[in-house]
Amino acid sequence: MKNIALYDADQVDHLVWPENVQDITADSPAISVFTDFHHYEPLVIDADTLALDAEQMMKRSHVRLKLVIDRDAECVGVIALEDLSDSEVIKKVANGFVRKELRVSDMMRRKQDLKVFHYDDLERMNVEQVLNVLKQYGHQHCLVVEHAHHQIRGIISASDIARKLKIAISIQQPPKFAELYLAAIHR
């Protein structure tokens, strides 16, 4: 292998910027904050992966959500890092699962239980409208589907939008009935 040297940076002053940087605002088209799987490889994990291994992999790679695929590489759901938390694992163990045998398929959010954006709607929306929908449903991430082709086309991420808008976005899960009930009886 040829020796390659590093050089001093003292003679370099200017930072190169992309030629066509797109400033994102709340009025920008929603498509500008959409991760399109035609251009970016989806982050996936096998449904049979051990849950404890999945949590470690996701933490090491700083990934908060992965699409769960079956043996045929078809999407069967999503797994968020929060789905692998100790409290979620304890719930499963309380229901008879063995902690070290839990799989991603045991912890994931099943595809049929997910709410998604339609790509056609996304083409007509702006960033602010997308954020309002994410807040309304309490979703940090939302898949985008293209029904005409029966495809999961991409994903929208509230944290990606926050980064592009350079703002803090707080999206809270809507309270569950049991939480509302407990809050009401303890007043």
N, C-alpha and C. Protein backbone atom coordinates (compact mmCIF):
# COMPACT_ATOMS: atom_id res chain seq x y z
N MET A 1 0.84 -1.18 0.00
CA MET A 1 0.00 0.00 0.00
C MET A 1 0.88 1.24 0.00
N LYS A 2 0.52 2.19 -0.78
CA LYS A 2 1.27 3.43 -0.90
C LYS A 2 1.11 4.28 0.36
N ASN A 3 2.19 4.91 0.81
CA ASN A 3 2.12 5.80 1.96
C ASN A 3 1.37 7.07 1.58
N ILE A 4 0.42 7.41 2.41
CA ILE A 4 -0.36 8.62 2.18
C ILE A 4 -0.17 9.49 3.41
N ALA A 5 0.16 10.76 3.17
CA ALA A 5 0.46 11.67 4.27
C ALA A 5 -0.72 12.60 4.53
N LEU A 6 -0.83 13.07 5.74
CA LEU A 6 -1.77 14.13 6.08
C LEU A 6 -1.00 15.45 6.06
N TYR A 7 -1.70 16.53 5.79
CA TYR A 7 -1.05 17.83 5.64
C TYR A 7 -1.55 18.80 6.69
N ASP A 8 -0.83 19.87 6.90
CA ASP A 8 -1.24 20.92 7.83
C ASP A 8 -2.40 21.69 7.23
N ALA A 9 -3.32 22.10 8.08
CA ALA A 9 -4.51 22.81 7.62
C ALA A 9 -4.35 24.32 7.69
N ASP A 10 -3.18 24.81 8.05
CA ASP A 10 -2.99 26.25 8.24
C ASP A 10 -3.13 27.07 6.97
N GLN A 11 -3.03 26.48 5.80
CA GLN A 11 -3.13 27.22 4.54
C GLN A 11 -4.54 27.15 3.94
N VAL A 12 -5.48 26.61 4.69
CA VAL A 12 -6.85 26.45 4.19
C VAL A 12 -7.76 27.36 5.01
N ASP A 13 -8.57 28.18 4.32
CA ASP A 13 -9.41 29.15 5.03
C ASP A 13 -10.91 28.97 4.79
N HIS A 14 -11.28 28.56 3.61
CA HIS A 14 -12.68 28.62 3.21
C HIS A 14 -13.37 27.26 3.29
N LEU A 15 -14.59 27.32 3.72
CA LEU A 15 -15.43 26.14 3.81
C LEU A 15 -16.26 26.04 2.54
N VAL A 16 -16.33 24.87 1.96
CA VAL A 16 -17.13 24.65 0.76
C VAL A 16 -18.56 24.32 1.17
N TRP A 17 -19.52 24.95 0.50
CA TRP A 17 -20.94 24.73 0.76
C TRP A 17 -21.58 24.16 -0.50
N PRO A 18 -22.61 23.34 -0.36
CA PRO A 18 -23.31 22.83 -1.55
C PRO A 18 -23.84 23.99 -2.39
N GLU A 19 -23.85 23.81 -3.69
CA GLU A 19 -24.28 24.88 -4.58
C GLU A 19 -25.78 25.14 -4.50
N ASN A 20 -26.55 24.11 -4.28
CA ASN A 20 -27.99 24.32 -4.27
C ASN A 20 -28.59 23.92 -2.91
N VAL A 21 -28.14 24.63 -1.87
CA VAL A 21 -28.68 24.40 -0.54
C VAL A 21 -30.11 24.92 -0.51
N GLN A 22 -30.99 24.11 -0.01
CA GLN A 22 -32.38 24.51 0.07
C GLN A 22 -32.71 24.86 1.51
N ASP A 23 -33.02 26.14 1.75
CA ASP A 23 -33.45 26.54 3.08
C ASP A 23 -34.86 26.00 3.30
N ILE A 24 -35.01 25.29 4.39
CA ILE A 24 -36.30 24.69 4.72
C ILE A 24 -37.01 25.61 5.70
N THR A 25 -38.27 25.91 5.42
CA THR A 25 -39.12 26.69 6.32
C THR A 25 -40.41 25.92 6.53
N ALA A 26 -41.25 26.44 7.40
CA ALA A 26 -42.55 25.80 7.65
C ALA A 26 -43.41 25.77 6.38
N ASP A 27 -43.16 26.72 5.47
CA ASP A 27 -43.95 26.78 4.23
C ASP A 27 -43.35 25.94 3.10
N SER A 28 -42.19 25.35 3.32
CA SER A 28 -41.55 24.53 2.28
C SER A 28 -42.42 23.31 1.97
N PRO A 29 -42.31 22.79 0.76
CA PRO A 29 -43.06 21.56 0.44
C PRO A 29 -42.65 20.42 1.37
N ALA A 30 -43.61 19.62 1.76
CA ALA A 30 -43.35 18.49 2.66
C ALA A 30 -42.34 17.52 2.06
N ILE A 31 -42.32 17.41 0.76
CA ILE A 31 -41.39 16.51 0.08
C ILE A 31 -39.94 16.86 0.42
N SER A 32 -39.67 18.12 0.79
CA SER A 32 -38.30 18.53 1.09
C SER A 32 -37.78 17.97 2.41
N VAL A 33 -38.65 17.41 3.25
CA VAL A 33 -38.21 16.82 4.52
C VAL A 33 -38.50 15.33 4.57
N PHE A 34 -38.76 14.75 3.45
CA PHE A 34 -39.15 13.36 3.30
C PHE A 34 -37.93 12.52 2.91
N THR A 35 -37.68 11.43 3.63
CA THR A 35 -36.60 10.50 3.27
C THR A 35 -37.17 9.50 2.28
N ASP A 36 -36.81 9.68 1.03
CA ASP A 36 -37.36 8.88 -0.07
C ASP A 36 -36.50 7.64 -0.27
N PHE A 37 -37.10 6.46 -0.15
CA PHE A 37 -36.36 5.23 -0.30
C PHE A 37 -35.93 4.98 -1.75
N HIS A 38 -36.36 5.81 -2.67
CA HIS A 38 -35.80 5.74 -4.02
C HIS A 38 -34.39 6.31 -4.04
N HIS A 39 -34.06 7.14 -3.03
CA HIS A 39 -32.74 7.78 -2.99
C HIS A 39 -31.90 7.36 -1.79
N TYR A 40 -32.53 6.89 -0.73
CA TYR A 40 -31.82 6.50 0.48
C TYR A 40 -32.26 5.09 0.88
N GLU A 41 -31.29 4.26 1.20
CA GLU A 41 -31.59 2.90 1.60
C GLU A 41 -32.30 2.90 2.95
N PRO A 42 -33.42 2.18 3.07
CA PRO A 42 -34.12 2.15 4.35
C PRO A 42 -33.30 1.42 5.41
N LEU A 43 -33.44 1.84 6.64
CA LEU A 43 -32.77 1.19 7.76
C LEU A 43 -33.69 0.06 8.22
N VAL A 44 -33.21 -1.18 8.08
CA VAL A 44 -34.05 -2.34 8.37
C VAL A 44 -33.38 -3.25 9.38
N ILE A 45 -34.22 -4.09 9.99
CA ILE A 45 -33.74 -5.10 10.93
C ILE A 45 -34.63 -6.33 10.75
N ASP A 46 -34.03 -7.48 10.89
CA ASP A 46 -34.75 -8.73 10.73
C ASP A 46 -35.66 -8.97 11.93
N ALA A 47 -36.87 -9.44 11.68
CA ALA A 47 -37.86 -9.68 12.73
C ALA A 47 -37.38 -10.70 13.76
N ASP A 48 -36.50 -11.60 13.34
CA ASP A 48 -36.01 -12.65 14.25
C ASP A 48 -34.82 -12.22 15.11
N THR A 49 -34.35 -11.00 14.95
CA THR A 49 -33.23 -10.51 15.77
C THR A 49 -33.64 -10.46 17.23
N LEU A 50 -32.76 -10.87 18.11
CA LEU A 50 -33.04 -10.78 19.54
C LEU A 50 -33.23 -9.32 19.93
N ALA A 51 -34.23 -9.05 20.74
CA ALA A 51 -34.55 -7.68 21.14
C ALA A 51 -33.37 -6.99 21.83
N LEU A 52 -32.67 -7.71 22.70
CA LEU A 52 -31.53 -7.12 23.40
C LEU A 52 -30.42 -6.75 22.42
N ASP A 53 -30.20 -7.58 21.40
CA ASP A 53 -29.20 -7.26 20.37
C ASP A 53 -29.64 -6.05 19.55
N ALA A 54 -30.92 -5.99 19.22
CA ALA A 54 -31.45 -4.88 18.43
C ALA A 54 -31.26 -3.56 19.17
N GLU A 55 -31.54 -3.57 20.46
CA GLU A 55 -31.39 -2.35 21.25
C GLU A 55 -29.93 -1.88 21.22
N GLN A 56 -29.00 -2.79 21.40
CA GLN A 56 -27.58 -2.42 21.39
C GLN A 56 -27.15 -1.90 20.02
N MET A 57 -27.60 -2.57 18.95
CA MET A 57 -27.25 -2.12 17.59
C MET A 57 -27.79 -0.72 17.33
N MET A 58 -29.02 -0.48 17.73
CA MET A 58 -29.63 0.82 17.48
C MET A 58 -28.95 1.91 18.28
N LYS A 59 -28.60 1.62 19.53
CA LYS A 59 -27.90 2.61 20.35
C LYS A 59 -26.53 2.93 19.78
N ARG A 60 -25.79 1.88 19.38
CA ARG A 60 -24.44 2.09 18.83
C ARG A 60 -24.47 2.92 17.55
N SER A 61 -25.49 2.72 16.73
CA SER A 61 -25.54 3.44 15.45
C SER A 61 -26.39 4.71 15.54
N HIS A 62 -26.86 5.06 16.75
CA HIS A 62 -27.65 6.28 16.97
C HIS A 62 -28.89 6.32 16.08
N VAL A 63 -29.55 5.17 15.96
CA VAL A 63 -30.77 5.05 15.16
C VAL A 63 -31.94 4.86 16.10
N ARG A 64 -33.00 5.63 15.89
CA ARG A 64 -34.14 5.57 16.79
C ARG A 64 -35.30 4.76 16.22
N LEU A 65 -35.25 4.40 14.93
CA LEU A 65 -36.33 3.63 14.33
C LEU A 65 -35.79 2.82 13.17
N LYS A 66 -36.24 1.57 13.07
CA LYS A 66 -35.90 0.72 11.94
C LYS A 66 -37.16 0.04 11.44
N LEU A 67 -37.18 -0.22 10.15
CA LEU A 67 -38.25 -1.02 9.58
C LEU A 67 -37.93 -2.48 9.81
N VAL A 68 -38.92 -3.24 10.22
CA VAL A 68 -38.73 -4.65 10.52
C VAL A 68 -39.13 -5.45 9.28
N ILE A 69 -38.23 -6.35 8.86
CA ILE A 69 -38.51 -7.16 7.67
C ILE A 69 -38.54 -8.64 8.04
N ASP A 70 -39.30 -9.39 7.24
CA ASP A 70 -39.37 -10.83 7.43
C ASP A 70 -38.32 -11.52 6.55
N ARG A 71 -38.40 -12.83 6.46
CA ARG A 71 -37.41 -13.60 5.68
C ARG A 71 -37.43 -13.27 4.19
N ASP A 72 -38.57 -12.74 3.71
CA ASP A 72 -38.70 -12.38 2.29
C ASP A 72 -38.36 -10.91 2.04
N ALA A 73 -37.80 -10.23 3.05
CA ALA A 73 -37.44 -8.81 2.98
C ALA A 73 -38.67 -7.92 2.79
N GLU A 74 -39.82 -8.39 3.25
CA GLU A 74 -41.04 -7.58 3.22
C GLU A 74 -41.22 -6.92 4.59
N CYS A 75 -41.67 -5.69 4.58
CA CYS A 75 -41.86 -4.94 5.82
C CYS A 75 -43.06 -5.50 6.59
N VAL A 76 -42.82 -5.83 7.86
CA VAL A 76 -43.90 -6.35 8.71
C VAL A 76 -44.20 -5.40 9.87
N GLY A 77 -43.41 -4.35 10.02
CA GLY A 77 -43.64 -3.39 11.09
C GLY A 77 -42.45 -2.47 11.27
N VAL A 78 -42.46 -1.76 12.38
CA VAL A 78 -41.34 -0.89 12.73
C VAL A 78 -40.98 -1.14 14.19
N ILE A 79 -39.73 -0.87 14.51
CA ILE A 79 -39.28 -0.96 15.90
C ILE A 79 -38.57 0.35 16.24
N ALA A 80 -39.03 0.99 17.29
CA ALA A 80 -38.39 2.21 17.78
C ALA A 80 -37.55 1.84 18.99
N LEU A 81 -36.54 2.61 19.23
CA LEU A 81 -35.68 2.37 20.39
C LEU A 81 -36.51 2.34 21.67
N GLU A 82 -37.52 3.19 21.75
CA GLU A 82 -38.39 3.22 22.94
C GLU A 82 -39.18 1.92 23.10
N ASP A 83 -39.43 1.19 22.01
CA ASP A 83 -40.12 -0.10 22.09
C ASP A 83 -39.26 -1.16 22.75
N LEU A 84 -37.96 -0.92 22.81
CA LEU A 84 -37.01 -1.87 23.39
C LEU A 84 -36.57 -1.47 24.79
N SER A 85 -37.22 -0.47 25.35
CA SER A 85 -36.84 0.03 26.68
C SER A 85 -37.09 -1.03 27.76
N ASP A 86 -36.46 -0.84 28.89
CA ASP A 86 -36.62 -1.77 30.01
C ASP A 86 -38.09 -1.93 30.41
N SER A 87 -38.83 -0.82 30.43
CA SER A 87 -40.24 -0.90 30.84
C SER A 87 -41.05 -1.75 29.86
N GLU A 88 -40.76 -1.65 28.57
CA GLU A 88 -41.47 -2.47 27.58
C GLU A 88 -41.09 -3.93 27.70
N VAL A 89 -39.82 -4.19 27.96
CA VAL A 89 -39.35 -5.57 28.15
C VAL A 89 -40.01 -6.17 29.39
N ILE A 90 -40.09 -5.40 30.47
CA ILE A 90 -40.71 -5.87 31.71
C ILE A 90 -42.17 -6.23 31.47
N LYS A 91 -42.87 -5.44 30.67
CA LYS A 91 -44.27 -5.75 30.35
C LYS A 91 -44.37 -7.11 29.65
N LYS A 92 -43.46 -7.36 28.73
CA LYS A 92 -43.48 -8.65 28.01
C LYS A 92 -43.16 -9.81 28.95
N VAL A 93 -42.17 -9.62 29.81
CA VAL A 93 -41.79 -10.66 30.76
C VAL A 93 -42.98 -10.95 31.70
N ALA A 94 -43.68 -9.90 32.12
CA ALA A 94 -44.86 -10.09 32.97
C ALA A 94 -45.95 -10.88 32.27
N ASN A 95 -45.93 -10.86 30.94
CA ASN A 95 -46.91 -11.62 30.15
C ASN A 95 -46.41 -13.01 29.76
N GLY A 96 -45.31 -13.43 30.38
CA GLY A 96 -44.85 -14.80 30.18
C GLY A 96 -43.68 -14.98 29.22
N PHE A 97 -43.18 -13.92 28.63
CA PHE A 97 -42.02 -14.04 27.75
C PHE A 97 -40.74 -14.19 28.58
N VAL A 98 -39.74 -14.83 28.01
CA VAL A 98 -38.43 -14.94 28.63
C VAL A 98 -37.57 -13.81 28.08
N ARG A 99 -37.03 -12.98 28.96
CA ARG A 99 -36.30 -11.77 28.55
C ARG A 99 -35.26 -12.03 27.47
N LYS A 100 -34.40 -12.99 27.67
CA LYS A 100 -33.30 -13.21 26.72
C LYS A 100 -33.76 -13.85 25.41
N GLU A 101 -35.02 -14.30 25.36
CA GLU A 101 -35.55 -14.90 24.13
C GLU A 101 -36.44 -13.95 23.34
N LEU A 102 -36.69 -12.75 23.87
CA LEU A 102 -37.53 -11.78 23.17
C LEU A 102 -36.91 -11.41 21.83
N ARG A 103 -37.73 -11.35 20.83
CA ARG A 103 -37.29 -11.00 19.47
C ARG A 103 -37.89 -9.65 19.07
N VAL A 104 -37.34 -9.06 18.05
CA VAL A 104 -37.88 -7.81 17.52
C VAL A 104 -39.36 -8.00 17.17
N SER A 105 -39.71 -9.15 16.62
CA SER A 105 -41.11 -9.41 16.25
C SER A 105 -42.04 -9.37 17.46
N ASP A 106 -41.53 -9.63 18.65
CA ASP A 106 -42.34 -9.57 19.86
C ASP A 106 -42.55 -8.13 20.34
N MET A 107 -41.65 -7.24 19.97
CA MET A 107 -41.63 -5.89 20.50
C MET A 107 -42.09 -4.82 19.50
N MET A 108 -42.12 -5.18 18.23
CA MET A 108 -42.36 -4.19 17.17
C MET A 108 -43.81 -3.71 17.14
N ARG A 109 -44.00 -2.62 16.41
CA ARG A 109 -45.33 -2.12 16.09
C ARG A 109 -45.68 -2.73 14.73
N ARG A 110 -46.71 -3.52 14.71
CA ARG A 110 -47.09 -4.24 13.49
C ARG A 110 -47.58 -3.29 12.42
N LYS A 111 -47.25 -3.62 11.19
CA LYS A 111 -47.60 -2.77 10.03
C LYS A 111 -49.09 -2.44 10.03
N GLN A 112 -49.95 -3.42 10.32
CA GLN A 112 -51.39 -3.19 10.27
C GLN A 112 -51.87 -2.24 11.36
N ASP A 113 -51.03 -1.95 12.36
CA ASP A 113 -51.41 -1.03 13.44
C ASP A 113 -50.88 0.39 13.23
N LEU A 114 -50.12 0.60 12.16
CA LEU A 114 -49.48 1.90 11.93
C LEU A 114 -50.39 2.85 11.14
N LYS A 115 -50.25 4.12 11.42
CA LYS A 115 -50.87 5.18 10.62
C LYS A 115 -49.77 5.70 9.70
N VAL A 116 -50.11 5.98 8.45
CA VAL A 116 -49.11 6.39 7.47
C VAL A 116 -49.60 7.61 6.67
N PHE A 117 -48.65 8.32 6.09
CA PHE A 117 -48.96 9.36 5.12
C PHE A 117 -49.09 8.71 3.75
N HIS A 118 -49.96 9.24 2.91
CA HIS A 118 -50.00 8.84 1.51
C HIS A 118 -49.09 9.80 0.75
N TYR A 119 -48.27 9.26 -0.13
CA TYR A 119 -47.33 10.07 -0.90
C TYR A 119 -48.05 11.18 -1.66
N ASP A 120 -49.19 10.88 -2.24
CA ASP A 120 -49.95 11.88 -3.01
C ASP A 120 -50.33 13.07 -2.12
N ASP A 121 -50.72 12.79 -0.87
CA ASP A 121 -51.05 13.88 0.06
C ASP A 121 -49.81 14.68 0.41
N LEU A 122 -48.71 13.97 0.61
CA LEU A 122 -47.45 14.63 0.98
C LEU A 122 -47.03 15.63 -0.10
N GLU A 123 -47.29 15.30 -1.35
CA GLU A 123 -46.93 16.20 -2.46
C GLU A 123 -47.71 17.51 -2.40
N ARG A 124 -48.84 17.52 -1.72
CA ARG A 124 -49.67 18.73 -1.64
C ARG A 124 -49.52 19.47 -0.31
N MET A 125 -48.76 18.90 0.61
CA MET A 125 -48.63 19.48 1.95
C MET A 125 -47.35 20.30 2.08
N ASN A 126 -47.34 21.15 3.12
CA ASN A 126 -46.09 21.83 3.46
C ASN A 126 -45.57 21.27 4.78
N VAL A 127 -44.39 21.71 5.19
CA VAL A 127 -43.73 21.19 6.38
C VAL A 127 -44.57 21.43 7.63
N GLU A 128 -45.15 22.60 7.75
CA GLU A 128 -45.97 22.91 8.92
C GLU A 128 -47.16 21.94 9.04
N GLN A 129 -47.80 21.63 7.93
CA GLN A 129 -48.92 20.70 7.96
C GLN A 129 -48.47 19.30 8.40
N VAL A 130 -47.31 18.89 7.93
CA VAL A 130 -46.77 17.59 8.34
C VAL A 130 -46.53 17.58 9.85
N LEU A 131 -45.90 18.63 10.37
CA LEU A 131 -45.64 18.72 11.81
C LEU A 131 -46.93 18.69 12.61
N ASN A 132 -47.95 19.37 12.13
CA ASN A 132 -49.23 19.38 12.84
C ASN A 132 -49.83 17.97 12.90
N VAL A 133 -49.73 17.22 11.83
CA VAL A 133 -50.25 15.85 11.82
C VAL A 133 -49.44 14.98 12.77
N LEU A 134 -48.11 15.10 12.73
CA LEU A 134 -47.26 14.32 13.64
C LEU A 134 -47.59 14.63 15.10
N LYS A 135 -47.79 15.91 15.40
CA LYS A 135 -48.14 16.30 16.77
C LYS A 135 -49.52 15.77 17.15
N GLN A 136 -50.47 15.87 16.23
CA GLN A 136 -51.83 15.40 16.49
C GLN A 136 -51.85 13.91 16.87
N TYR A 137 -51.06 13.11 16.18
CA TYR A 137 -51.03 11.68 16.43
C TYR A 137 -49.95 11.26 17.43
N GLY A 138 -49.08 12.20 17.81
CA GLY A 138 -48.02 11.89 18.76
C GLY A 138 -46.95 10.99 18.17
N HIS A 139 -46.65 11.16 16.89
CA HIS A 139 -45.66 10.31 16.21
C HIS A 139 -44.36 11.07 15.97
N GLN A 140 -43.24 10.44 16.35
CA GLN A 140 -41.92 10.97 16.02
C GLN A 140 -41.56 10.64 14.57
N HIS A 141 -42.06 9.50 14.09
CA HIS A 141 -41.79 9.04 12.73
C HIS A 141 -43.10 8.62 12.09
N CYS A 142 -43.15 8.71 10.78
CA CYS A 142 -44.33 8.25 10.07
C CYS A 142 -43.91 7.75 8.69
N LEU A 143 -44.35 6.55 8.36
CA LEU A 143 -44.05 6.00 7.04
C LEU A 143 -44.87 6.72 5.99
N VAL A 144 -44.36 6.70 4.78
CA VAL A 144 -45.06 7.28 3.63
C VAL A 144 -45.26 6.15 2.63
N VAL A 145 -46.52 5.94 2.23
CA VAL A 145 -46.82 4.85 1.31
C VAL A 145 -47.29 5.39 -0.02
N GLU A 146 -47.05 4.58 -1.03
CA GLU A 146 -47.51 4.89 -2.39
C GLU A 146 -48.45 3.75 -2.77
N HIS A 147 -49.74 4.01 -2.59
CA HIS A 147 -50.73 2.94 -2.79
C HIS A 147 -50.77 2.42 -4.22
N ALA A 148 -50.55 3.27 -5.18
CA ALA A 148 -50.63 2.85 -6.59
C ALA A 148 -49.64 1.71 -6.87
N HIS A 149 -48.52 1.71 -6.16
CA HIS A 149 -47.49 0.68 -6.39
C HIS A 149 -47.38 -0.30 -5.22
N HIS A 150 -48.27 -0.14 -4.21
CA HIS A 150 -48.25 -1.01 -3.02
C HIS A 150 -46.87 -1.00 -2.37
N GLN A 151 -46.33 0.21 -2.15
CA GLN A 151 -44.97 0.35 -1.63
C GLN A 151 -44.92 1.27 -0.42
N ILE A 152 -43.96 0.96 0.45
CA ILE A 152 -43.57 1.93 1.47
C ILE A 152 -42.49 2.76 0.81
N ARG A 153 -42.83 4.00 0.53
CA ARG A 153 -41.98 4.87 -0.29
C ARG A 153 -40.88 5.55 0.51
N GLY A 154 -41.16 5.80 1.81
CA GLY A 154 -40.16 6.51 2.60
C GLY A 154 -40.65 6.76 4.01
N ILE A 155 -40.03 7.74 4.64
CA ILE A 155 -40.36 8.03 6.04
C ILE A 155 -40.19 9.52 6.31
N ILE A 156 -40.98 10.00 7.24
CA ILE A 156 -40.88 11.37 7.74
C ILE A 156 -40.44 11.27 9.20
N SER A 157 -39.48 12.09 9.60
CA SER A 157 -38.97 12.08 10.96
C SER A 157 -39.06 13.48 11.56
N ALA A 158 -39.72 13.58 12.72
CA ALA A 158 -39.83 14.88 13.38
C ALA A 158 -38.46 15.43 13.75
N SER A 159 -37.54 14.57 14.16
CA SER A 159 -36.20 15.06 14.53
C SER A 159 -35.44 15.56 13.30
N ASP A 160 -35.64 14.93 12.14
CA ASP A 160 -35.02 15.44 10.91
C ASP A 160 -35.59 16.81 10.55
N ILE A 161 -36.89 16.97 10.72
CA ILE A 161 -37.52 18.27 10.43
C ILE A 161 -36.99 19.32 11.39
N ALA A 162 -36.89 18.99 12.66
CA ALA A 162 -36.37 19.94 13.66
C ALA A 162 -34.96 20.38 13.30
N ARG A 163 -34.14 19.43 12.88
CA ARG A 163 -32.76 19.75 12.50
C ARG A 163 -32.74 20.69 11.29
N LYS A 164 -33.58 20.42 10.31
CA LYS A 164 -33.59 21.25 9.09
C LYS A 164 -34.16 22.63 9.35
N LEU A 165 -35.13 22.73 10.26
CA LEU A 165 -35.71 24.03 10.59
C LEU A 165 -34.91 24.77 11.65
N LYS A 166 -33.97 24.03 12.28
CA LYS A 166 -33.14 24.57 13.37
C LYS A 166 -34.01 25.05 14.53
N ILE A 167 -34.99 24.20 14.90
CA ILE A 167 -35.88 24.50 16.02
C ILE A 167 -36.05 23.24 16.87
N ALA A 168 -36.53 23.43 18.08
CA ALA A 168 -36.88 22.29 18.93
C ALA A 168 -38.34 21.94 18.68
N ILE A 169 -38.60 20.67 18.52
CA ILE A 169 -39.97 20.21 18.31
C ILE A 169 -40.28 19.20 19.39
N SER A 170 -41.39 19.43 20.08
CA SER A 170 -41.81 18.50 21.12
C SER A 170 -43.07 17.79 20.66
N ILE A 171 -42.94 16.49 20.48
CA ILE A 171 -44.09 15.68 20.09
C ILE A 171 -44.35 14.70 21.22
N GLN A 172 -45.51 14.81 21.82
CA GLN A 172 -45.88 13.97 22.94
C GLN A 172 -46.86 12.90 22.48
N GLN A 173 -46.71 11.71 23.05
CA GLN A 173 -47.67 10.65 22.79
C GLN A 173 -49.00 11.07 23.40
N PRO A 174 -50.10 10.86 22.69
CA PRO A 174 -51.39 11.15 23.32
C PRO A 174 -51.59 10.20 24.50
N PRO A 175 -52.18 10.70 25.59
CA PRO A 175 -52.33 9.83 26.76
C PRO A 175 -53.29 8.68 26.46
N LYS A 176 -53.00 7.54 27.08
CA LYS A 176 -53.86 6.38 26.93
C LYS A 176 -55.04 6.53 27.89
N PHE A 177 -56.12 5.83 27.60
CA PHE A 177 -57.31 5.92 28.43
C PHE A 177 -56.98 5.64 29.90
N ALA A 178 -56.17 4.63 30.14
CA ALA A 178 -55.84 4.26 31.53
C ALA A 178 -55.14 5.41 32.24
N GLU A 179 -54.25 6.13 31.54
CA GLU A 179 -53.56 7.26 32.14
C GLU A 179 -54.53 8.39 32.46
N LEU A 180 -55.47 8.66 31.54
CA LEU A 180 -56.47 9.70 31.77
C LEU A 180 -57.36 9.33 32.96
N TYR A 181 -57.74 8.07 33.03
CA TYR A 181 -58.59 7.58 34.11
C TYR A 181 -57.89 7.75 35.46
N LEU A 182 -56.62 7.32 35.54
CA LEU A 182 -55.87 7.44 36.79
C LEU A 182 -55.71 8.90 37.19
N ALA A 183 -55.45 9.76 36.23
CA ALA A 183 -55.31 11.19 36.53
C ALA A 183 -56.61 11.75 37.05
N ALA A 184 -57.74 11.32 36.50
CA ALA A 184 -59.05 11.83 36.91
C ALA A 184 -59.41 11.38 38.31
N ILE A 185 -59.12 10.13 38.67
CA ILE A 185 -59.52 9.64 39.99
C ILE A 185 -58.61 10.13 41.09
N HIS A 186 -57.42 10.63 40.76
CA HIS A 186 -56.50 11.13 41.78
C HIS A 186 -56.61 12.63 41.98
N ARG A 187 -57.63 13.24 41.43
CA ARG A 187 -57.82 14.70 41.62
C ARG A 187 -58.56 14.98 42.88
